Amino acid sequence: MNMETRIGLAASVLTTVSLLPQLVKIFRERKAESISSLWIAILFAGLLCWIFYGFLKKDLIIIISNIVSALINASIGIAAIIFNRKTKRRN
């Protein structure tokens, strides 16, 4: 594995894993009022663009890491919707 591939792999893993603490926090606290739906939408759109770019470049690292990131981001969005609905019902 050359240096370029190692750096790309490290960047992909780190950016993908960066979303996990937010997802864990939402599920632990069972609330997501501070999550911006605009942030989720913009990030998701960007991830879809990266996936498309990865297919154009035929780069498996870009494709896989951004698919995983998109799934985590979608999970954050779904959890935010669910927990925000529960919070509104209580109020």
PDB file of N, CA and C in Angstrom:
ATOM      1  N   MET A   1       0.857  -1.177   0.000  1.00  0.00           N
ATOM      2  CA  MET A   1       0.000   0.000   0.000  1.00  0.00           C
ATOM      3  C   MET A   1       0.904   1.241   0.000  1.00  0.00           C
ATOM      4  N   ASN A   2       0.709   2.113  -0.970  1.00  0.00           N
ATOM      5  CA  ASN A   2       1.558   3.296  -1.050  1.00  0.00           C
ATOM      6  C   ASN A   2       1.083   4.388  -0.083  1.00  0.00           C
ATOM      7  N   MET A   3       1.906   5.420   0.076  1.00  0.00           N
ATOM      8  CA  MET A   3       1.626   6.499   1.023  1.00  0.00           C
ATOM      9  C   MET A   3       0.324   7.229   0.695  1.00  0.00           C
ATOM     10  N   GLU A   4       0.066   7.446  -0.569  1.00  0.00           N
ATOM     11  CA  GLU A   4      -1.163   8.135  -0.991  1.00  0.00           C
ATOM     12  C   GLU A   4      -2.405   7.355  -0.541  1.00  0.00           C
ATOM     13  N   THR A   5      -2.371   6.063  -0.715  1.00  0.00           N
ATOM     14  CA  THR A   5      -3.496   5.214  -0.305  1.00  0.00           C
ATOM     15  C   THR A   5      -3.652   5.216   1.208  1.00  0.00           C
ATOM     16  N   ARG A   6      -2.542   5.161   1.929  1.00  0.00           N
ATOM     17  CA  ARG A   6      -2.589   5.183   3.403  1.00  0.00           C
ATOM     18  C   ARG A   6      -3.206   6.485   3.918  1.00  0.00           C
ATOM     19  N   ILE A   7      -2.810   7.593   3.336  1.00  0.00           N
ATOM     20  CA  ILE A   7      -3.348   8.891   3.760  1.00  0.00           C
ATOM     21  C   ILE A   7      -4.840   8.968   3.433  1.00  0.00           C
ATOM     22  N   GLY A   8      -5.230   8.518   2.251  1.00  0.00           N
ATOM     23  CA  GLY A   8      -6.640   8.509   1.874  1.00  0.00           C
ATOM     24  C   GLY A   8      -7.465   7.617   2.785  1.00  0.00           C
ATOM     25  N   LEU A   9      -6.927   6.475   3.140  1.00  0.00           N
ATOM     26  CA  LEU A   9      -7.605   5.556   4.036  1.00  0.00           C
ATOM     27  C   LEU A   9      -7.743   6.147   5.435  1.00  0.00           C
ATOM     28  N   ALA A  10      -6.668   6.753   5.930  1.00  0.00           N
ATOM     29  CA  ALA A  10      -6.713   7.388   7.257  1.00  0.00           C
ATOM     30  C   ALA A  10      -7.731   8.528   7.276  1.00  0.00           C
ATOM     31  N   ALA A  11      -7.730   9.361   6.247  1.00  0.00           N
ATOM     32  CA  ALA A  11      -8.681  10.470   6.169  1.00  0.00           C
ATOM     33  C   ALA A  11     -10.112   9.949   6.122  1.00  0.00           C
ATOM     34  N   SER A  12     -10.335   8.905   5.366  1.00  0.00           N
ATOM     35  CA  SER A  12     -11.671   8.329   5.244  1.00  0.00           C
ATOM     36  C   SER A  12     -12.155   7.763   6.569  1.00  0.00           C
ATOM     37  N   VAL A  13     -11.301   7.018   7.244  1.00  0.00           N
ATOM     38  CA  VAL A  13     -11.677   6.425   8.530  1.00  0.00           C
ATOM     39  C   VAL A  13     -11.965   7.518   9.557  1.00  0.00           C
ATOM     40  N   LEU A  14     -11.101   8.512   9.637  1.00  0.00           N
ATOM     41  CA  LEU A  14     -11.280   9.574  10.635  1.00  0.00           C
ATOM     42  C   LEU A  14     -12.542  10.394  10.386  1.00  0.00           C
ATOM     43  N   THR A  15     -12.801  10.752   9.155  1.00  0.00           N
ATOM     44  CA  THR A  15     -14.000  11.556   8.892  1.00  0.00           C
ATOM     45  C   THR A  15     -15.272  10.738   9.082  1.00  0.00           C
ATOM     46  N   THR A  16     -15.216   9.460   8.772  1.00  0.00           N
ATOM     47  CA  THR A  16     -16.381   8.600   8.990  1.00  0.00           C
ATOM     48  C   THR A  16     -16.648   8.414  10.474  1.00  0.00           C
ATOM     49  N   VAL A  17     -15.609   8.124  11.227  1.00  0.00           N
ATOM     50  CA  VAL A  17     -15.738   7.894  12.668  1.00  0.00           C
ATOM     51  C   VAL A  17     -16.139   9.170  13.404  1.00  0.00           C
ATOM     52  N   SER A  18     -15.853  10.324  12.838  1.00  0.00           N
ATOM     53  CA  SER A  18     -16.165  11.592  13.511  1.00  0.00           C
ATOM     54  C   SER A  18     -17.663  11.777  13.757  1.00  0.00           C
ATOM     55  N   LEU A  19     -18.499  11.105  12.976  1.00  0.00           N
ATOM     56  CA  LEU A  19     -19.945  11.224  13.143  1.00  0.00           C
ATOM     57  C   LEU A  19     -20.484  10.347  14.277  1.00  0.00           C
ATOM     58  N   LEU A  20     -19.739   9.316  14.647  1.00  0.00           N
ATOM     59  CA  LEU A  20     -20.231   8.368  15.649  1.00  0.00           C
ATOM     60  C   LEU A  20     -20.484   8.970  17.032  1.00  0.00           C
ATOM     61  N   PRO A  21     -19.613   9.843  17.558  1.00  0.00           N
ATOM     62  CA  PRO A  21     -19.909  10.407  18.880  1.00  0.00           C
ATOM     63  C   PRO A  21     -21.248  11.145  18.938  1.00  0.00           C
ATOM     64  N   GLN A  22     -21.610  11.827  17.873  1.00  0.00           N
ATOM     65  CA  GLN A  22     -22.894  12.536  17.844  1.00  0.00           C
ATOM     66  C   GLN A  22     -24.054  11.546  17.866  1.00  0.00           C
ATOM     67  N   LEU A  23     -23.936  10.489  17.105  1.00  0.00           N
ATOM     68  CA  LEU A  23     -24.986   9.472  17.064  1.00  0.00           C
ATOM     69  C   LEU A  23     -25.134   8.798  18.433  1.00  0.00           C
ATOM     70  N   VAL A  24     -24.033   8.451  19.046  1.00  0.00           N
ATOM     71  CA  VAL A  24     -24.065   7.826  20.378  1.00  0.00           C
ATOM     72  C   VAL A  24     -24.693   8.772  21.398  1.00  0.00           C
ATOM     73  N   LYS A  25     -24.322  10.043  21.346  1.00  0.00           N
ATOM     74  CA  LYS A  25     -24.858  11.039  22.279  1.00  0.00           C
ATOM     75  C   LYS A  25     -26.384  11.161  22.139  1.00  0.00           C
ATOM     76  N   ILE A  26     -26.864  11.187  20.931  1.00  0.00           N
ATOM     77  CA  ILE A  26     -28.306  11.298  20.701  1.00  0.00           C
ATOM     78  C   ILE A  26     -29.035  10.109  21.322  1.00  0.00           C
ATOM     79  N   PHE A  27     -28.520   8.914  21.111  1.00  0.00           N
ATOM     80  CA  PHE A  27     -29.186   7.730  21.647  1.00  0.00           C
ATOM     81  C   PHE A  27     -29.047   7.630  23.165  1.00  0.00           C
ATOM     82  N   ARG A  28     -27.917   8.059  23.697  1.00  0.00           N
ATOM     83  CA  ARG A  28     -27.743   8.039  25.158  1.00  0.00           C
ATOM     84  C   ARG A  28     -28.697   8.995  25.852  1.00  0.00           C
ATOM     85  N   GLU A  29     -28.770  10.213  25.333  1.00  0.00           N
ATOM     86  CA  GLU A  29     -29.589  11.251  25.963  1.00  0.00           C
ATOM     87  C   GLU A  29     -31.055  11.191  25.540  1.00  0.00           C
ATOM     88  N   ARG A  30     -31.323  10.477  24.456  1.00  0.00           N
ATOM     89  CA  ARG A  30     -32.675  10.374  23.905  1.00  0.00           C
ATOM     90  C   ARG A  30     -33.271  11.743  23.587  1.00  0.00           C
ATOM     91  N   LYS A  31     -32.418  12.633  23.123  1.00  0.00           N
ATOM     92  CA  LYS A  31     -32.875  13.949  22.674  1.00  0.00           C
ATOM     93  C   LYS A  31     -31.923  14.478  21.616  1.00  0.00           C
ATOM     94  N   ALA A  32     -32.455  15.358  20.770  1.00  0.00           N
ATOM     95  CA  ALA A  32     -31.651  15.869  19.659  1.00  0.00           C
ATOM     96  C   ALA A  32     -32.053  17.285  19.286  1.00  0.00           C
ATOM     97  N   GLU A  33     -32.472  18.072  20.284  1.00  0.00           N
ATOM     98  CA  GLU A  33     -32.929  19.429  19.970  1.00  0.00           C
ATOM     99  C   GLU A  33     -31.845  20.295  19.351  1.00  0.00           C
ATOM    100  N   SER A  34     -30.598  20.054  19.721  1.00  0.00           N
ATOM    101  CA  SER A  34     -29.522  20.917  19.240  1.00  0.00           C
ATOM    102  C   SER A  34     -28.980  20.501  17.869  1.00  0.00           C
ATOM    103  N   ILE A  35     -29.535  19.460  17.290  1.00  0.00           N
ATOM    104  CA  ILE A  35     -29.076  19.008  15.976  1.00  0.00           C
ATOM    105  C   ILE A  35     -29.757  19.844  14.895  1.00  0.00           C
ATOM    106  N   SER A  36     -28.954  20.428  14.035  1.00  0.00           N
ATOM    107  CA  SER A  36     -29.478  21.251  12.948  1.00  0.00           C
ATOM    108  C   SER A  36     -29.890  20.367  11.774  1.00  0.00           C
ATOM    109  N   SER A  37     -31.144  20.454  11.382  1.00  0.00           N
ATOM    110  CA  SER A  37     -31.601  19.676  10.230  1.00  0.00           C
ATOM    111  C   SER A  37     -30.944  20.178   8.944  1.00  0.00           C
ATOM    112  N   LEU A  38     -30.622  21.454   8.899  1.00  0.00           N
ATOM    113  CA  LEU A  38     -29.917  22.001   7.734  1.00  0.00           C
ATOM    114  C   LEU A  38     -28.520  21.388   7.634  1.00  0.00           C
ATOM    115  N   TRP A  39     -27.833  21.262   8.759  1.00  0.00           N
ATOM    116  CA  TRP A  39     -26.504  20.630   8.794  1.00  0.00           C
ATOM    117  C   TRP A  39     -26.598  19.202   8.270  1.00  0.00           C
ATOM    118  N   ILE A  40     -27.585  18.455   8.747  1.00  0.00           N
ATOM    119  CA  ILE A  40     -27.754  17.075   8.316  1.00  0.00           C
ATOM    120  C   ILE A  40     -27.982  17.014   6.808  1.00  0.00           C
ATOM    121  N   ALA A  41     -28.856  17.874   6.294  1.00  0.00           N
ATOM    122  CA  ALA A  41     -29.178  17.873   4.862  1.00  0.00           C
ATOM    123  C   ALA A  41     -27.968  18.252   4.006  1.00  0.00           C
ATOM    124  N   ILE A  42     -27.232  19.266   4.421  1.00  0.00           N
ATOM    125  CA  ILE A  42     -26.054  19.706   3.656  1.00  0.00           C
ATOM    126  C   ILE A  42     -24.982  18.622   3.666  1.00  0.00           C
ATOM    127  N   LEU A  43     -24.727  18.051   4.833  1.00  0.00           N
ATOM    128  CA  LEU A  43     -23.720  16.994   4.931  1.00  0.00           C
ATOM    129  C   LEU A  43     -24.125  15.787   4.091  1.00  0.00           C
ATOM    130  N   PHE A  44     -25.389  15.402   4.160  1.00  0.00           N
ATOM    131  CA  PHE A  44     -25.861  14.259   3.381  1.00  0.00           C
ATOM    132  C   PHE A  44     -25.698  14.512   1.883  1.00  0.00           C
ATOM    133  N   ALA A  45     -26.042  15.705   1.433  1.00  0.00           N
ATOM    134  CA  ALA A  45     -25.875  16.055   0.017  1.00  0.00           C
ATOM    135  C   ALA A  45     -24.400  15.992  -0.388  1.00  0.00           C
ATOM    136  N   GLY A  46     -23.538  16.505   0.481  1.00  0.00           N
ATOM    137  CA  GLY A  46     -22.102  16.449   0.202  1.00  0.00           C
ATOM    138  C   GLY A  46     -21.586  15.024   0.134  1.00  0.00           C
ATOM    139  N   LEU A  47     -22.066  14.179   1.023  1.00  0.00           N
ATOM    140  CA  LEU A  47     -21.655  12.772   1.011  1.00  0.00           C
ATOM    141  C   LEU A  47     -22.124  12.068  -0.256  1.00  0.00           C
ATOM    142  N   LEU A  48     -23.338  12.377  -0.703  1.00  0.00           N
ATOM    143  CA  LEU A  48     -23.811  11.797  -1.956  1.00  0.00           C
ATOM    144  C   LEU A  48     -22.936  12.234  -3.135  1.00  0.00           C
ATOM    145  N   CYS A  49     -22.513  13.489  -3.114  1.00  0.00           N
ATOM    146  CA  CYS A  49     -21.604  13.974  -4.166  1.00  0.00           C
ATOM    147  C   CYS A  49     -20.268  13.232  -4.123  1.00  0.00           C
ATOM    148  N   TRP A  50     -19.737  13.005  -2.908  1.00  0.00           N
ATOM    149  CA  TRP A  50     -18.484  12.261  -2.764  1.00  0.00           C
ATOM    150  C   TRP A  50     -18.631  10.838  -3.276  1.00  0.00           C
ATOM    151  N   ILE A  51     -19.776  10.206  -2.994  1.00  0.00           N
ATOM    152  CA  ILE A  51     -20.010   8.844  -3.483  1.00  0.00           C
ATOM    153  C   ILE A  51     -20.007   8.835  -5.011  1.00  0.00           C
ATOM    154  N   PHE A  52     -20.715   9.775  -5.610  1.00  0.00           N
ATOM    155  CA  PHE A  52     -20.757   9.881  -7.064  1.00  0.00           C
ATOM    156  C   PHE A  52     -19.350  10.127  -7.617  1.00  0.00           C
ATOM    157  N   TYR A  53     -18.601  11.018  -6.976  1.00  0.00           N
ATOM    158  CA  TYR A  53     -17.219  11.310  -7.377  1.00  0.00           C
ATOM    159  C   TYR A  53     -16.365  10.044  -7.291  1.00  0.00           C
ATOM    160  N   GLY A  54     -16.542   9.287  -6.218  1.00  0.00           N
ATOM    161  CA  GLY A  54     -15.794   8.047  -6.054  1.00  0.00           C
ATOM    162  C   GLY A  54     -16.066   7.070  -7.188  1.00  0.00           C
ATOM    163  N   PHE A  55     -17.333   6.987  -7.615  1.00  0.00           N
ATOM    164  CA  PHE A  55     -17.659   6.124  -8.748  1.00  0.00           C
ATOM    165  C   PHE A  55     -17.013   6.638 -10.031  1.00  0.00           C
ATOM    166  N   LEU A  56     -17.027   7.950 -10.224  1.00  0.00           N
ATOM    167  CA  LEU A  56     -16.395   8.516 -11.417  1.00  0.00           C
ATOM    168  C   LEU A  56     -14.888   8.237 -11.445  1.00  0.00           C
ATOM    169  N   LYS A  57     -14.258   8.319 -10.276  1.00  0.00           N
ATOM    170  CA  LYS A  57     -12.807   8.089 -10.170  1.00  0.00           C
ATOM    171  C   LYS A  57     -12.465   6.612 -10.000  1.00  0.00           C
ATOM    172  N   LYS A  58     -13.511   5.775  -9.805  1.00  0.00           N
ATOM    173  CA  LYS A  58     -13.322   4.349  -9.541  1.00  0.00           C
ATOM    174  C   LYS A  58     -12.433   4.144  -8.308  1.00  0.00           C
ATOM    175  N   ASP A  59     -12.725   4.910  -7.248  1.00  0.00           N
ATOM    176  CA  ASP A  59     -11.940   4.882  -6.011  1.00  0.00           C
ATOM    177  C   ASP A  59     -12.771   4.256  -4.893  1.00  0.00           C
ATOM    178  N   LEU A  60     -12.457   3.008  -4.580  1.00  0.00           N
ATOM    179  CA  LEU A  60     -13.220   2.240  -3.602  1.00  0.00           C
ATOM    180  C   LEU A  60     -13.166   2.853  -2.201  1.00  0.00           C
ATOM    181  N   ILE A  61     -12.040   3.443  -1.836  1.00  0.00           N
ATOM    182  CA  ILE A  61     -11.924   4.078  -0.509  1.00  0.00           C
ATOM    183  C   ILE A  61     -12.934   5.212  -0.375  1.00  0.00           C
ATOM    184  N   ILE A  62     -13.020   6.063  -1.380  1.00  0.00           N
ATOM    185  CA  ILE A  62     -13.964   7.183  -1.354  1.00  0.00           C
ATOM    186  C   ILE A  62     -15.398   6.663  -1.334  1.00  0.00           C
ATOM    187  N   ILE A  63     -15.680   5.680  -2.131  1.00  0.00           N
ATOM    188  CA  ILE A  63     -17.043   5.150  -2.222  1.00  0.00           C
ATOM    189  C   ILE A  63     -17.481   4.551  -0.888  1.00  0.00           C
ATOM    190  N   ILE A  64     -16.702   3.626  -0.360  1.00  0.00           N
ATOM    191  CA  ILE A  64     -17.095   2.914   0.863  1.00  0.00           C
ATOM    192  C   ILE A  64     -17.180   3.843   2.061  1.00  0.00           C
ATOM    193  N   SER A  65     -16.171   4.676   2.252  1.00  0.00           N
ATOM    194  CA  SER A  65     -16.169   5.548   3.433  1.00  0.00           C
ATOM    195  C   SER A  65     -17.336   6.530   3.404  1.00  0.00           C
ATOM    196  N   ASN A  66     -17.681   7.016   2.227  1.00  0.00           N
ATOM    197  CA  ASN A  66     -18.780   7.971   2.153  1.00  0.00           C
ATOM    198  C   ASN A  66     -20.147   7.298   2.215  1.00  0.00           C
ATOM    199  N   ILE A  67     -20.238   6.062   1.782  1.00  0.00           N
ATOM    200  CA  ILE A  67     -21.488   5.320   1.978  1.00  0.00           C
ATOM    201  C   ILE A  67     -21.714   5.093   3.473  1.00  0.00           C
ATOM    202  N   VAL A  68     -20.661   4.675   4.175  1.00  0.00           N
ATOM    203  CA  VAL A  68     -20.780   4.473   5.622  1.00  0.00           C
ATOM    204  C   VAL A  68     -21.118   5.789   6.318  1.00  0.00           C
ATOM    205  N   SER A  69     -20.448   6.864   5.937  1.00  0.00           N
ATOM    206  CA  SER A  69     -20.737   8.178   6.517  1.00  0.00           C
ATOM    207  C   SER A  69     -22.178   8.599   6.239  1.00  0.00           C
ATOM    208  N   ALA A  70     -22.654   8.354   5.023  1.00  0.00           N
ATOM    209  CA  ALA A  70     -24.037   8.709   4.676  1.00  0.00           C
ATOM    210  C   ALA A  70     -25.027   7.906   5.519  1.00  0.00           C
ATOM    211  N   LEU A  71     -24.728   6.637   5.769  1.00  0.00           N
ATOM    212  CA  LEU A  71     -25.599   5.817   6.609  1.00  0.00           C
ATOM    213  C   LEU A  71     -25.623   6.328   8.054  1.00  0.00           C
ATOM    214  N   ILE A  72     -24.463   6.695   8.571  1.00  0.00           N
ATOM    215  CA  ILE A  72     -24.400   7.248   9.930  1.00  0.00           C
ATOM    216  C   ILE A  72     -25.147   8.580   9.980  1.00  0.00           C
ATOM    217  N   ASN A  73     -24.931   9.418   8.968  1.00  0.00           N
ATOM    218  CA  ASN A  73     -25.611  10.710   8.904  1.00  0.00           C
ATOM    219  C   ASN A  73     -27.122  10.530   8.814  1.00  0.00           C
ATOM    220  N   ALA A  74     -27.560   9.580   8.010  1.00  0.00           N
ATOM    221  CA  ALA A  74     -28.994   9.300   7.909  1.00  0.00           C
ATOM    222  C   ALA A  74     -29.540   8.822   9.249  1.00  0.00           C
ATOM    223  N   SER A  75     -28.754   8.018   9.967  1.00  0.00           N
ATOM    224  CA  SER A  75     -29.161   7.559  11.299  1.00  0.00           C
ATOM    225  C   SER A  75     -29.304   8.727  12.262  1.00  0.00           C
ATOM    226  N   ILE A  76     -28.389   9.679  12.181  1.00  0.00           N
ATOM    227  CA  ILE A  76     -28.481  10.877  13.019  1.00  0.00           C
ATOM    228  C   ILE A  76     -29.756  11.638  12.680  1.00  0.00           C
ATOM    229  N   GLY A  77     -30.028  11.806  11.391  1.00  0.00           N
ATOM    230  CA  GLY A  77     -31.235  12.517  10.972  1.00  0.00           C
ATOM    231  C   GLY A  77     -32.505  11.827  11.427  1.00  0.00           C
ATOM    232  N   ILE A  78     -32.569  10.526  11.268  1.00  0.00           N
ATOM    233  CA  ILE A  78     -33.752   9.768  11.687  1.00  0.00           C
ATOM    234  C   ILE A  78     -33.920   9.833  13.197  1.00  0.00           C
ATOM    235  N   ALA A  79     -32.820   9.656  13.930  1.00  0.00           N
ATOM    236  CA  ALA A  79     -32.887   9.734  15.393  1.00  0.00           C
ATOM    237  C   ALA A  79     -33.326  11.124  15.842  1.00  0.00           C
ATOM    238  N   ALA A  80     -32.829  12.151  15.178  1.00  0.00           N
ATOM    239  CA  ALA A  80     -33.219  13.521  15.527  1.00  0.00           C
ATOM    240  C   ALA A  80     -34.720  13.722  15.320  1.00  0.00           C
ATOM    241  N   ILE A  81     -35.232  13.213  14.224  1.00  0.00           N
ATOM    242  CA  ILE A  81     -36.678  13.332  13.961  1.00  0.00           C
ATOM    243  C   ILE A  81     -37.476  12.593  15.034  1.00  0.00           C
ATOM    244  N   ILE A  82     -37.082  11.370  15.325  1.00  0.00           N
ATOM    245  CA  ILE A  82     -37.807  10.559  16.316  1.00  0.00           C
ATOM    246  C   ILE A  82     -37.765  11.209  17.694  1.00  0.00           C
ATOM    247  N   PHE A  83     -36.570  11.566  18.158  1.00  0.00           N
ATOM    248  CA  PHE A  83     -36.455  12.108  19.510  1.00  0.00           C
ATOM    249  C   PHE A  83     -37.029  13.516  19.622  1.00  0.00           C
ATOM    250  N   ASN A  84     -36.961  14.299  18.537  1.00  0.00           N
ATOM    251  CA  ASN A  84     -37.578  15.629  18.584  1.00  0.00           C
ATOM    252  C   ASN A  84     -39.104  15.523  18.630  1.00  0.00           C
ATOM    253  N   ARG A  85     -39.670  14.544  17.967  1.00  0.00           N
ATOM    254  CA  ARG A  85     -41.126  14.332  18.036  1.00  0.00           C
ATOM    255  C   ARG A  85     -41.536  13.944  19.456  1.00  0.00           C
ATOM    256  N   LYS A  86     -40.749  13.064  20.074  1.00  0.00           N
ATOM    257  CA  LYS A  86     -41.067  12.646  21.449  1.00  0.00           C
ATOM    258  C   LYS A  86     -40.972  13.810  22.412  1.00  0.00           C
ATOM    259  N   THR A  87     -39.977  14.678  22.216  1.00  0.00           N
ATOM    260  CA  THR A  87     -39.795  15.842  23.071  1.00  0.00           C
ATOM    261  C   THR A  87     -40.985  16.799  22.903  1.00  0.00           C
ATOM    262  N   LYS A  88     -41.437  17.011  21.668  1.00  0.00           N
ATOM    263  CA  LYS A  88     -42.569  17.923  21.420  1.00  0.00           C
ATOM    264  C   LYS A  88     -43.857  17.376  22.014  1.00  0.00           C
ATOM    265  N   ARG A  89     -44.040  16.062  21.999  1.00  0.00           N
ATOM    266  CA  ARG A  89     -45.237  15.454  22.587  1.00  0.00           C
ATOM    267  C   ARG A  89     -45.298  15.659  24.098  1.00  0.00           C
ATOM    268  N   ARG A  90     -44.122  15.621  24.728  1.00  0.00           N
ATOM    269  CA  ARG A  90     -44.078  15.813  26.192  1.00  0.00           C
ATOM    270  C   ARG A  90     -44.406  17.239  26.605  1.00  0.00           C
ATOM    271  N   ASN A  91     -44.091  18.184  25.726  1.00  0.00           N
ATOM    272  CA  ASN A  91     -44.316  19.590  26.057  1.00  0.00           C
ATOM    273  C   ASN A  91     -45.699  19.957  25.758  1.00  0.00           C
TER     274      ASN A  91
END
